[in-house]
Amino acid sequence: MGANSSQEQNGAFPPGEVVHCEDSGTFGGGPHEILEVTKLLESVSIPCCLLGVAALRYYGAGRVQYDWEICVRRDMLEIASTLLKSEPHIRTYEPAPAHSTQLFSMIHTYPRFKVRDLHLFFVLTPDDDYHFNCSSSNIERSYLGLPYPKLQLHAQSLLDSHDLVSLTDLIDGMNLTEEWGQQNLDLSNSQDIVWAKRKNREIQEIIPDPDESCWHEKIEKPFSRAETWAEIVRTKERRLGDECPRETWATRFRAHNSEDPRIELQGDF
């Protein structure tokens, strides 16, 4: 089936892995082990979802992954962390040193764990950091049963939070079109400035030094969502490198007429 079919781009396919030109990988692997973490959280009524690099790879982006980001509702973040530190789970998951700092992210402030006897790390993160509502109705399951954000909601959250690097990778991973965005997204007005200002106040409370907090803050300047979407989808071919010949590759990560990334090599996601 072609990469631009309406069935594929509306997320109707069963899940799977990735076909792309650029190399990617997961440092430490671990989808089966991470599935056990998500099952544990869900067993005590803590909804969770894989976001960050894991979600982008699920949707076909060629990202290298080191830590898994397991998103939960903010009001359940401490509950989830305490659960993993309690018996008997502390025998499987040990607290790990904080994540290294990243631009425009507070991930280094959230609970990080290591799966014992494996070089496998995951971080518990709050859903509002992603402009995402972590509820079961907003999640789809991979072939293995891992919870990921639904395609439309993931794209909308990246657009509303003005995370253009991740949005570009999602567009190239799924080979999304301008028309898909018009049909499935809210492209009116600008990104969510109210959310950005609220997040920045929270960041400044944690990091009072403005010379430090500025590296983690969100963009407050308004940009048209429609123009942002159009600009990124119209420049897919421009992002192709010499290693991705245009007669073969539709985007950096998708060959022409390739299957939905979620149904290729289903066992890894």
C-alpha atoms as a PDB file:
ATOM      1  CA  MET A   1       0.000   0.000   0.000  1.00  0.00           C
ATOM      2  CA  GLY A   2       1.307   3.491  -0.825  1.00  0.00           C
ATOM      3  CA  ALA A   3       2.773   5.692   1.871  1.00  0.00           C
ATOM      4  CA  ASN A   4       0.123   8.364   1.348  1.00  0.00           C
ATOM      5  CA  SER A   5      -2.990   6.182   1.633  1.00  0.00           C
ATOM      6  CA  SER A   6      -5.732   7.622   3.829  1.00  0.00           C
ATOM      7  CA  GLN A   7      -5.964   4.360   5.799  1.00  0.00           C
ATOM      8  CA  GLU A   8      -2.291   4.453   6.704  1.00  0.00           C
ATOM      9  CA  GLN A   9      -2.131   8.114   7.664  1.00  0.00           C
ATOM     10  CA  ASN A  10      -5.203   7.938   9.883  1.00  0.00           C
ATOM     11  CA  GLY A  11      -3.507   5.273  12.003  1.00  0.00           C
ATOM     12  CA  ALA A  12      -5.720   2.341  10.975  1.00  0.00           C
ATOM     13  CA  PHE A  13      -2.882  -0.129  10.461  1.00  0.00           C
ATOM     14  CA  PRO A  14      -1.779  -2.568  13.153  1.00  0.00           C
ATOM     15  CA  PRO A  15       1.587  -1.622  14.675  1.00  0.00           C
ATOM     16  CA  GLY A  16       5.111  -2.616  13.733  1.00  0.00           C
ATOM     17  CA  GLU A  17       8.560  -1.140  13.142  1.00  0.00           C
ATOM     18  CA  VAL A  18      10.444   1.134  10.796  1.00  0.00           C
ATOM     19  CA  VAL A  19      11.695   1.347   7.226  1.00  0.00           C
ATOM     20  CA  HIS A  20      14.087   4.258   6.789  1.00  0.00           C
ATOM     21  CA  CYS A  21      17.230   5.329   5.020  1.00  0.00           C
ATOM     22  CA  GLU A  22      19.112   6.626   8.047  1.00  0.00           C
ATOM     23  CA  ASP A  23      20.437   4.292  10.718  1.00  0.00           C
ATOM     24  CA  SER A  24      18.780   4.089  14.116  1.00  0.00           C
ATOM     25  CA  GLY A  25      18.941   1.906  17.163  1.00  0.00           C
ATOM     26  CA  THR A  26      18.077   1.504  20.804  1.00  0.00           C
ATOM     27  CA  PHE A  27      20.973   1.536  23.265  1.00  0.00           C
ATOM     28  CA  GLY A  28      20.102  -1.304  25.603  1.00  0.00           C
ATOM     29  CA  GLY A  29      17.035  -2.437  23.636  1.00  0.00           C
ATOM     30  CA  GLY A  30      14.302  -3.583  25.955  1.00  0.00           C
ATOM     31  CA  PRO A  31      10.785  -3.416  24.454  1.00  0.00           C
ATOM     32  CA  HIS A  32       9.743  -6.581  26.304  1.00  0.00           C
ATOM     33  CA  GLU A  33      11.146  -5.302  29.602  1.00  0.00           C
ATOM     34  CA  ILE A  34       9.501  -1.905  29.119  1.00  0.00           C
ATOM     35  CA  LEU A  35       6.230  -3.669  28.372  1.00  0.00           C
ATOM     36  CA  GLU A  36       6.450  -5.244  31.826  1.00  0.00           C
ATOM     37  CA  VAL A  37       6.859  -1.783  33.373  1.00  0.00           C
ATOM     38  CA  THR A  38       3.803  -0.448  31.561  1.00  0.00           C
ATOM     39  CA  LYS A  39       1.783  -3.508  32.555  1.00  0.00           C
ATOM     40  CA  LEU A  40       2.761  -2.981  36.191  1.00  0.00           C
ATOM     41  CA  LEU A  41       1.657   0.653  36.116  1.00  0.00           C
ATOM     42  CA  GLU A  42      -1.600  -0.173  34.372  1.00  0.00           C
ATOM     43  CA  SER A  43      -2.319  -2.967  36.859  1.00  0.00           C
ATOM     44  CA  VAL A  44      -2.679  -0.329  39.578  1.00  0.00           C
ATOM     45  CA  SER A  45      -4.711   2.039  37.365  1.00  0.00           C
ATOM     46  CA  ILE A  46      -1.852   4.323  36.342  1.00  0.00           C
ATOM     47  CA  PRO A  47      -2.335   5.081  32.620  1.00  0.00           C
ATOM     48  CA  CYS A  48       0.985   5.350  30.804  1.00  0.00           C
ATOM     49  CA  CYS A  49       2.288   5.999  27.317  1.00  0.00           C
ATOM     50  CA  LEU A  50       5.669   5.889  25.588  1.00  0.00           C
ATOM     51  CA  LEU A  51       6.663   9.307  24.296  1.00  0.00           C
ATOM     52  CA  GLY A  52       9.850  11.065  23.224  1.00  0.00           C
ATOM     53  CA  VAL A  53      12.206   9.139  20.962  1.00  0.00           C
ATOM     54  CA  ALA A  54      10.351   5.840  21.417  1.00  0.00           C
ATOM     55  CA  ALA A  55       7.163   7.300  19.939  1.00  0.00           C
ATOM     56  CA  LEU A  56       9.047   8.877  17.045  1.00  0.00           C
ATOM     57  CA  ARG A  57      10.731   5.553  16.234  1.00  0.00           C
ATOM     58  CA  TYR A  58       7.376   3.780  16.426  1.00  0.00           C
ATOM     59  CA  TYR A  59       6.163   6.193  13.754  1.00  0.00           C
ATOM     60  CA  GLY A  60       9.180   5.608  11.538  1.00  0.00           C
ATOM     61  CA  ALA A  61      11.733   8.258  12.504  1.00  0.00           C
ATOM     62  CA  GLY A  62      15.404   7.308  12.430  1.00  0.00           C
ATOM     63  CA  ARG A  63      16.309   8.337  15.960  1.00  0.00           C
ATOM     64  CA  VAL A  64      18.847   6.679  18.266  1.00  0.00           C
ATOM     65  CA  GLN A  65      17.277   5.888  21.625  1.00  0.00           C
ATOM     66  CA  TYR A  66      19.073   5.659  24.958  1.00  0.00           C
ATOM     67  CA  ASP A  67      16.389   6.000  27.640  1.00  0.00           C
ATOM     68  CA  TRP A  68      12.721   5.094  27.333  1.00  0.00           C
ATOM     69  CA  GLU A  69      10.357   7.900  28.367  1.00  0.00           C
ATOM     70  CA  ILE A  70       7.291   6.489  30.130  1.00  0.00           C
ATOM     71  CA  CYS A  71       4.719   9.234  30.442  1.00  0.00           C
ATOM     72  CA  VAL A  72       2.084   9.232  33.191  1.00  0.00           C
ATOM     73  CA  ARG A  73      -0.370  11.817  34.440  1.00  0.00           C
ATOM     74  CA  ARG A  74       1.436  14.456  36.476  1.00  0.00           C
ATOM     75  CA  ASP A  75      -0.682  13.741  39.541  1.00  0.00           C
ATOM     76  CA  MET A  76       0.417  10.094  39.361  1.00  0.00           C
ATOM     77  CA  LEU A  77       4.136  10.658  38.778  1.00  0.00           C
ATOM     78  CA  GLU A  78       5.147  10.337  42.428  1.00  0.00           C
ATOM     79  CA  ILE A  79       2.788   7.387  42.931  1.00  0.00           C
ATOM     80  CA  ALA A  80       4.376   5.563  39.984  1.00  0.00           C
ATOM     81  CA  SER A  81       7.897   6.301  41.220  1.00  0.00           C
ATOM     82  CA  THR A  82       7.093   5.113  44.740  1.00  0.00           C
ATOM     83  CA  LEU A  83       5.591   1.906  43.361  1.00  0.00           C
ATOM     84  CA  LEU A  84       8.760   1.028  41.452  1.00  0.00           C
ATOM     85  CA  LYS A  85      10.879   1.690  44.551  1.00  0.00           C
ATOM     86  CA  SER A  86       8.746  -0.574  46.734  1.00  0.00           C
ATOM     87  CA  GLU A  87       8.960  -4.315  47.340  1.00  0.00           C
ATOM     88  CA  PRO A  88       9.052  -6.507  45.363  1.00  0.00           C
ATOM     89  CA  HIS A  89       9.597  -4.196  42.366  1.00  0.00           C
ATOM     90  CA  ILE A  90      12.795  -2.641  43.743  1.00  0.00           C
ATOM     91  CA  ARG A  91      14.405  -6.035  43.095  1.00  0.00           C
ATOM     92  CA  THR A  92      13.798  -5.541  39.368  1.00  0.00           C
ATOM     93  CA  TYR A  93      14.065  -1.764  38.962  1.00  0.00           C
ATOM     94  CA  GLU A  94      16.708   0.281  40.747  1.00  0.00           C
ATOM     95  CA  PRO A  95      16.788   4.099  40.946  1.00  0.00           C
ATOM     96  CA  ALA A  96      19.380   5.509  38.553  1.00  0.00           C
ATOM     97  CA  PRO A  97      21.307   8.800  38.388  1.00  0.00           C
ATOM     98  CA  ALA A  98      19.423  11.673  36.830  1.00  0.00           C
ATOM     99  CA  HIS A  99      19.219  11.936  33.066  1.00  0.00           C
ATOM    100  CA  SER A 100      21.693  14.326  31.460  1.00  0.00           C
ATOM    101  CA  THR A 101      20.280  17.774  30.770  1.00  0.00           C
ATOM    102  CA  GLN A 102      18.699  18.483  27.395  1.00  0.00           C
ATOM    103  CA  LEU A 103      17.737  21.719  25.688  1.00  0.00           C
ATOM    104  CA  PHE A 104      14.081  22.709  26.139  1.00  0.00           C
ATOM    105  CA  SER A 105      13.470  19.759  28.467  1.00  0.00           C
ATOM    106  CA  MET A 106      13.206  19.088  32.199  1.00  0.00           C
ATOM    107  CA  ILE A 107      13.765  15.349  31.858  1.00  0.00           C
ATOM    108  CA  HIS A 108      16.798  15.536  34.155  1.00  0.00           C
ATOM    109  CA  THR A 109      14.464  16.392  37.059  1.00  0.00           C
ATOM    110  CA  TYR A 110      12.276  13.270  36.776  1.00  0.00           C
ATOM    111  CA  PRO A 111      12.639   9.773  38.308  1.00  0.00           C
ATOM    112  CA  ARG A 112      15.007   7.550  36.333  1.00  0.00           C
ATOM    113  CA  PHE A 113      15.357   3.796  36.736  1.00  0.00           C
ATOM    114  CA  LYS A 114      17.568   0.976  35.515  1.00  0.00           C
ATOM    115  CA  VAL A 115      16.406  -2.575  34.897  1.00  0.00           C
ATOM    116  CA  ARG A 116      18.670  -4.695  37.082  1.00  0.00           C
ATOM    117  CA  ASP A 117      21.242  -6.836  35.246  1.00  0.00           C
ATOM    118  CA  LEU A 118      20.563  -4.970  31.980  1.00  0.00           C
ATOM    119  CA  HIS A 119      21.925  -1.779  30.464  1.00  0.00           C
ATOM    120  CA  LEU A 120      18.362  -0.519  30.127  1.00  0.00           C
ATOM    121  CA  PHE A 121      17.091   2.776  31.525  1.00  0.00           C
ATOM    122  CA  PHE A 122      13.723   4.484  31.613  1.00  0.00           C
ATOM    123  CA  VAL A 123      12.433   7.800  32.932  1.00  0.00           C
ATOM    124  CA  LEU A 124       8.991   8.531  34.356  1.00  0.00           C
ATOM    125  CA  THR A 125       7.761  11.815  32.907  1.00  0.00           C
ATOM    126  CA  PRO A 126       4.584  13.903  33.342  1.00  0.00           C
ATOM    127  CA  ASP A 127       2.159  14.112  30.431  1.00  0.00           C
ATOM    128  CA  ASP A 128       1.744  17.884  30.545  1.00  0.00           C
ATOM    129  CA  ASP A 129       5.415  18.308  29.627  1.00  0.00           C
ATOM    130  CA  TYR A 130       4.460  16.894  26.212  1.00  0.00           C
ATOM    131  CA  HIS A 131       1.179  18.818  25.899  1.00  0.00           C
ATOM    132  CA  PHE A 132      -0.475  15.398  25.959  1.00  0.00           C
ATOM    133  CA  ASN A 133      -3.325  13.918  27.986  1.00  0.00           C
ATOM    134  CA  CYS A 134      -2.241  10.444  29.102  1.00  0.00           C
ATOM    135  CA  SER A 135      -5.555   8.592  29.101  1.00  0.00           C
ATOM    136  CA  SER A 136      -6.476   5.228  27.603  1.00  0.00           C
ATOM    137  CA  SER A 137      -8.642   6.839  24.909  1.00  0.00           C
ATOM    138  CA  ASN A 138      -5.594   8.690  23.538  1.00  0.00           C
ATOM    139  CA  ILE A 139      -3.396   5.604  23.243  1.00  0.00           C
ATOM    140  CA  GLU A 140      -2.932   2.860  20.643  1.00  0.00           C
ATOM    141  CA  ARG A 141      -1.180  -0.455  21.188  1.00  0.00           C
ATOM    142  CA  SER A 142       1.791  -1.745  19.250  1.00  0.00           C
ATOM    143  CA  TYR A 143       2.093  -5.334  18.055  1.00  0.00           C
ATOM    144  CA  LEU A 144       3.751  -6.197  21.374  1.00  0.00           C
ATOM    145  CA  GLY A 145       1.149  -4.272  23.349  1.00  0.00           C
ATOM    146  CA  LEU A 146       3.250  -1.209  24.157  1.00  0.00           C
ATOM    147  CA  PRO A 147       1.193   1.983  24.619  1.00  0.00           C
ATOM    148  CA  TYR A 148       1.898   4.828  22.194  1.00  0.00           C
ATOM    149  CA  PRO A 149       0.078   8.116  21.495  1.00  0.00           C
ATOM    150  CA  LYS A 150      -2.388   8.005  18.619  1.00  0.00           C
ATOM    151  CA  LEU A 151      -0.911   9.541  15.485  1.00  0.00           C
ATOM    152  CA  GLN A 152      -3.210  12.552  15.228  1.00  0.00           C
ATOM    153  CA  LEU A 153      -2.829  13.391  18.919  1.00  0.00           C
ATOM    154  CA  HIS A 154       0.942  12.997  18.801  1.00  0.00           C
ATOM    155  CA  ALA A 155       1.206  15.318  15.813  1.00  0.00           C
ATOM    156  CA  GLN A 156      -1.115  17.841  17.470  1.00  0.00           C
ATOM    157  CA  SER A 157       0.863  17.824  20.717  1.00  0.00           C
ATOM    158  CA  LEU A 158       4.145  18.439  18.891  1.00  0.00           C
ATOM    159  CA  LEU A 159       2.543  21.252  16.916  1.00  0.00           C
ATOM    160  CA  ASP A 160       0.916  22.849  19.962  1.00  0.00           C
ATOM    161  CA  SER A 161       4.128  22.655  21.996  1.00  0.00           C
ATOM    162  CA  HIS A 162       6.152  23.947  19.012  1.00  0.00           C
ATOM    163  CA  ASP A 163       8.554  20.985  19.143  1.00  0.00           C
ATOM    164  CA  LEU A 164       9.609  21.407  15.542  1.00  0.00           C
ATOM    165  CA  VAL A 165      12.506  18.941  15.536  1.00  0.00           C
ATOM    166  CA  SER A 166      10.271  16.100  16.697  1.00  0.00           C
ATOM    167  CA  LEU A 167       7.391  17.239  14.494  1.00  0.00           C
ATOM    168  CA  THR A 168       9.674  17.179  11.453  1.00  0.00           C
ATOM    169  CA  ASP A 169      10.824  13.658  12.294  1.00  0.00           C
ATOM    170  CA  LEU A 170       7.217  12.510  12.751  1.00  0.00           C
ATOM    171  CA  ILE A 171       6.200  13.997   9.400  1.00  0.00           C
ATOM    172  CA  ASP A 172       9.142  12.370   7.637  1.00  0.00           C
ATOM    173  CA  GLY A 173       8.665   9.070   9.470  1.00  0.00           C
ATOM    174  CA  MET A 174       5.008   8.761   8.438  1.00  0.00           C
ATOM    175  CA  ASN A 175       5.365  10.750   5.196  1.00  0.00           C
ATOM    176  CA  LEU A 176       2.468  12.962   6.263  1.00  0.00           C
ATOM    177  CA  THR A 177       1.036  15.465   3.802  1.00  0.00           C
ATOM    178  CA  GLU A 178      -0.356  18.961   3.969  1.00  0.00           C
ATOM    179  CA  GLU A 179      -3.823  17.536   3.274  1.00  0.00           C
ATOM    180  CA  TRP A 180      -3.507  15.042   6.139  1.00  0.00           C
ATOM    181  CA  GLY A 181      -2.854  17.897   8.523  1.00  0.00           C
ATOM    182  CA  GLN A 182      -5.822  19.868   7.229  1.00  0.00           C
ATOM    183  CA  GLN A 183      -8.088  16.848   7.732  1.00  0.00           C
ATOM    184  CA  ASN A 184      -6.798  15.638  11.102  1.00  0.00           C
ATOM    185  CA  LEU A 185      -5.310  18.570  13.014  1.00  0.00           C
ATOM    186  CA  ASP A 186      -6.387  21.889  14.460  1.00  0.00           C
ATOM    187  CA  LEU A 187      -4.297  24.315  12.412  1.00  0.00           C
ATOM    188  CA  SER A 188      -6.068  27.478  13.533  1.00  0.00           C
ATOM    189  CA  ASN A 189      -4.236  30.266  15.350  1.00  0.00           C
ATOM    190  CA  SER A 190      -0.788  29.747  16.888  1.00  0.00           C
ATOM    191  CA  GLN A 191       0.775  27.101  19.089  1.00  0.00           C
ATOM    192  CA  ASP A 192      -0.410  27.014  22.713  1.00  0.00           C
ATOM    193  CA  ILE A 193       1.149  30.137  24.225  1.00  0.00           C
ATOM    194  CA  VAL A 194      -0.800  29.773  27.484  1.00  0.00           C
ATOM    195  CA  TRP A 195       0.736  26.321  27.981  1.00  0.00           C
ATOM    196  CA  ALA A 196       4.229  27.632  27.141  1.00  0.00           C
ATOM    197  CA  LYS A 197       3.974  30.465  29.676  1.00  0.00           C
ATOM    198  CA  ARG A 198       2.689  28.122  32.373  1.00  0.00           C
ATOM    199  CA  LYS A 199       5.501  25.644  31.736  1.00  0.00           C
ATOM    200  CA  ASN A 200       8.057  28.447  31.819  1.00  0.00           C
ATOM    201  CA  ARG A 201       6.801  29.636  35.210  1.00  0.00           C
ATOM    202  CA  GLU A 202       7.180  26.085  36.513  1.00  0.00           C
ATOM    203  CA  ILE A 203      10.685  25.830  35.057  1.00  0.00           C
ATOM    204  CA  GLN A 204      11.727  29.159  36.588  1.00  0.00           C
ATOM    205  CA  GLU A 205      10.534  27.988  40.011  1.00  0.00           C
ATOM    206  CA  ILE A 206      12.776  24.927  39.747  1.00  0.00           C
ATOM    207  CA  ILE A 207      15.703  26.774  38.122  1.00  0.00           C
ATOM    208  CA  PRO A 208      15.649  30.377  39.456  1.00  0.00           C
ATOM    209  CA  ASP A 209      18.805  31.451  37.610  1.00  0.00           C
ATOM    210  CA  PRO A 210      17.582  32.941  34.289  1.00  0.00           C
ATOM    211  CA  ASP A 211      20.925  32.184  32.657  1.00  0.00           C
ATOM    212  CA  GLU A 212      20.223  28.501  33.318  1.00  0.00           C
ATOM    213  CA  SER A 213      16.437  28.308  32.993  1.00  0.00           C
ATOM    214  CA  CYS A 214      16.472  29.880  29.520  1.00  0.00           C
ATOM    215  CA  TRP A 215      17.991  26.676  28.108  1.00  0.00           C
ATOM    216  CA  HIS A 216      14.950  24.682  29.192  1.00  0.00           C
ATOM    217  CA  GLU A 217      12.108  27.113  28.562  1.00  0.00           C
ATOM    218  CA  LYS A 218       9.420  26.846  25.888  1.00  0.00           C
ATOM    219  CA  ILE A 219       8.901  29.210  22.956  1.00  0.00           C
ATOM    220  CA  GLU A 220       6.410  31.954  23.830  1.00  0.00           C
ATOM    221  CA  LYS A 221       6.527  33.816  20.521  1.00  0.00           C
ATOM    222  CA  PRO A 222       3.394  32.873  18.517  1.00  0.00           C
ATOM    223  CA  PHE A 223       3.759  31.052  15.207  1.00  0.00           C
ATOM    224  CA  SER A 224       0.891  30.100  12.911  1.00  0.00           C
ATOM    225  CA  ARG A 225       0.156  26.386  13.219  1.00  0.00           C
ATOM    226  CA  ALA A 226      -1.040  26.230   9.612  1.00  0.00           C
ATOM    227  CA  GLU A 227       2.114  27.900   8.310  1.00  0.00           C
ATOM    228  CA  THR A 228       4.337  25.740  10.507  1.00  0.00           C
ATOM    229  CA  TRP A 229       2.699  22.553   9.247  1.00  0.00           C
ATOM    230  CA  ALA A 230       2.805  23.630   5.605  1.00  0.00           C
ATOM    231  CA  GLU A 231       6.451  24.671   5.782  1.00  0.00           C
ATOM    232  CA  ILE A 232       7.595  21.343   7.215  1.00  0.00           C
ATOM    233  CA  VAL A 233       5.600  19.058   4.911  1.00  0.00           C
ATOM    234  CA  ARG A 234       6.527  21.062   1.806  1.00  0.00           C
ATOM    235  CA  THR A 235      10.249  20.688   2.491  1.00  0.00           C
ATOM    236  CA  LYS A 236      10.430  16.890   2.913  1.00  0.00           C
ATOM    237  CA  GLU A 237      12.401  16.440  -0.304  1.00  0.00           C
ATOM    238  CA  ARG A 238      14.779  19.229   0.644  1.00  0.00           C
ATOM    239  CA  ARG A 239      15.786  17.242   3.729  1.00  0.00           C
ATOM    240  CA  LEU A 240      16.909  14.224   1.684  1.00  0.00           C
ATOM    241  CA  GLY A 241      20.658  13.730   1.805  1.00  0.00           C
ATOM    242  CA  ASP A 242      22.884  12.260  -0.876  1.00  0.00           C
ATOM    243  CA  GLU A 243      22.493   8.850   0.771  1.00  0.00           C
ATOM    244  CA  CYS A 244      18.743   8.936   0.027  1.00  0.00           C
ATOM    245  CA  PRO A 245      18.240   9.103  -3.770  1.00  0.00           C
ATOM    246  CA  ARG A 246      14.962  10.823  -4.664  1.00  0.00           C
ATOM    247  CA  GLU A 247      13.900   8.080  -7.043  1.00  0.00           C
ATOM    248  CA  THR A 248      13.907   5.663  -4.082  1.00  0.00           C
ATOM    249  CA  TRP A 249      13.106   7.746  -1.011  1.00  0.00           C
ATOM    250  CA  ALA A 250       9.981   9.839  -0.386  1.00  0.00           C
ATOM    251  CA  THR A 251      11.426  11.212   2.869  1.00  0.00           C
ATOM    252  CA  ARG A 252      14.583  10.727   4.933  1.00  0.00           C
ATOM    253  CA  PHE A 253      12.963   7.669   6.526  1.00  0.00           C
ATOM    254  CA  ARG A 254      10.441   6.341   3.998  1.00  0.00           C
ATOM    255  CA  ALA A 255      10.887   4.714   0.627  1.00  0.00           C
ATOM    256  CA  HIS A 256       8.281   5.368  -2.045  1.00  0.00           C
ATOM    257  CA  ASN A 257       5.266   3.047  -1.671  1.00  0.00           C
ATOM    258  CA  SER A 258       6.624   1.570   1.562  1.00  0.00           C
ATOM    259  CA  GLU A 259       4.334   0.071   4.183  1.00  0.00           C
ATOM    260  CA  ASP A 260       3.226   1.907   7.289  1.00  0.00           C
ATOM    261  CA  PRO A 261       6.213   1.789   9.689  1.00  0.00           C
ATOM    262  CA  ARG A 262       4.046   0.142  12.339  1.00  0.00           C
ATOM    263  CA  ILE A 263       3.571  -3.048  10.318  1.00  0.00           C
ATOM    264  CA  GLU A 264       7.184  -3.580   9.241  1.00  0.00           C
ATOM    265  CA  LEU A 265       9.128  -5.952  11.520  1.00  0.00           C
ATOM    266  CA  GLN A 266       6.295  -6.005  14.043  1.00  0.00           C
ATOM    267  CA  GLY A 267       8.117  -7.875  16.789  1.00  0.00           C
ATOM    268  CA  ASP A 268      10.367  -5.005  17.898  1.00  0.00           C
ATOM    269  CA  PHE A 269       7.737  -2.512  19.041  1.00  0.00           C
END
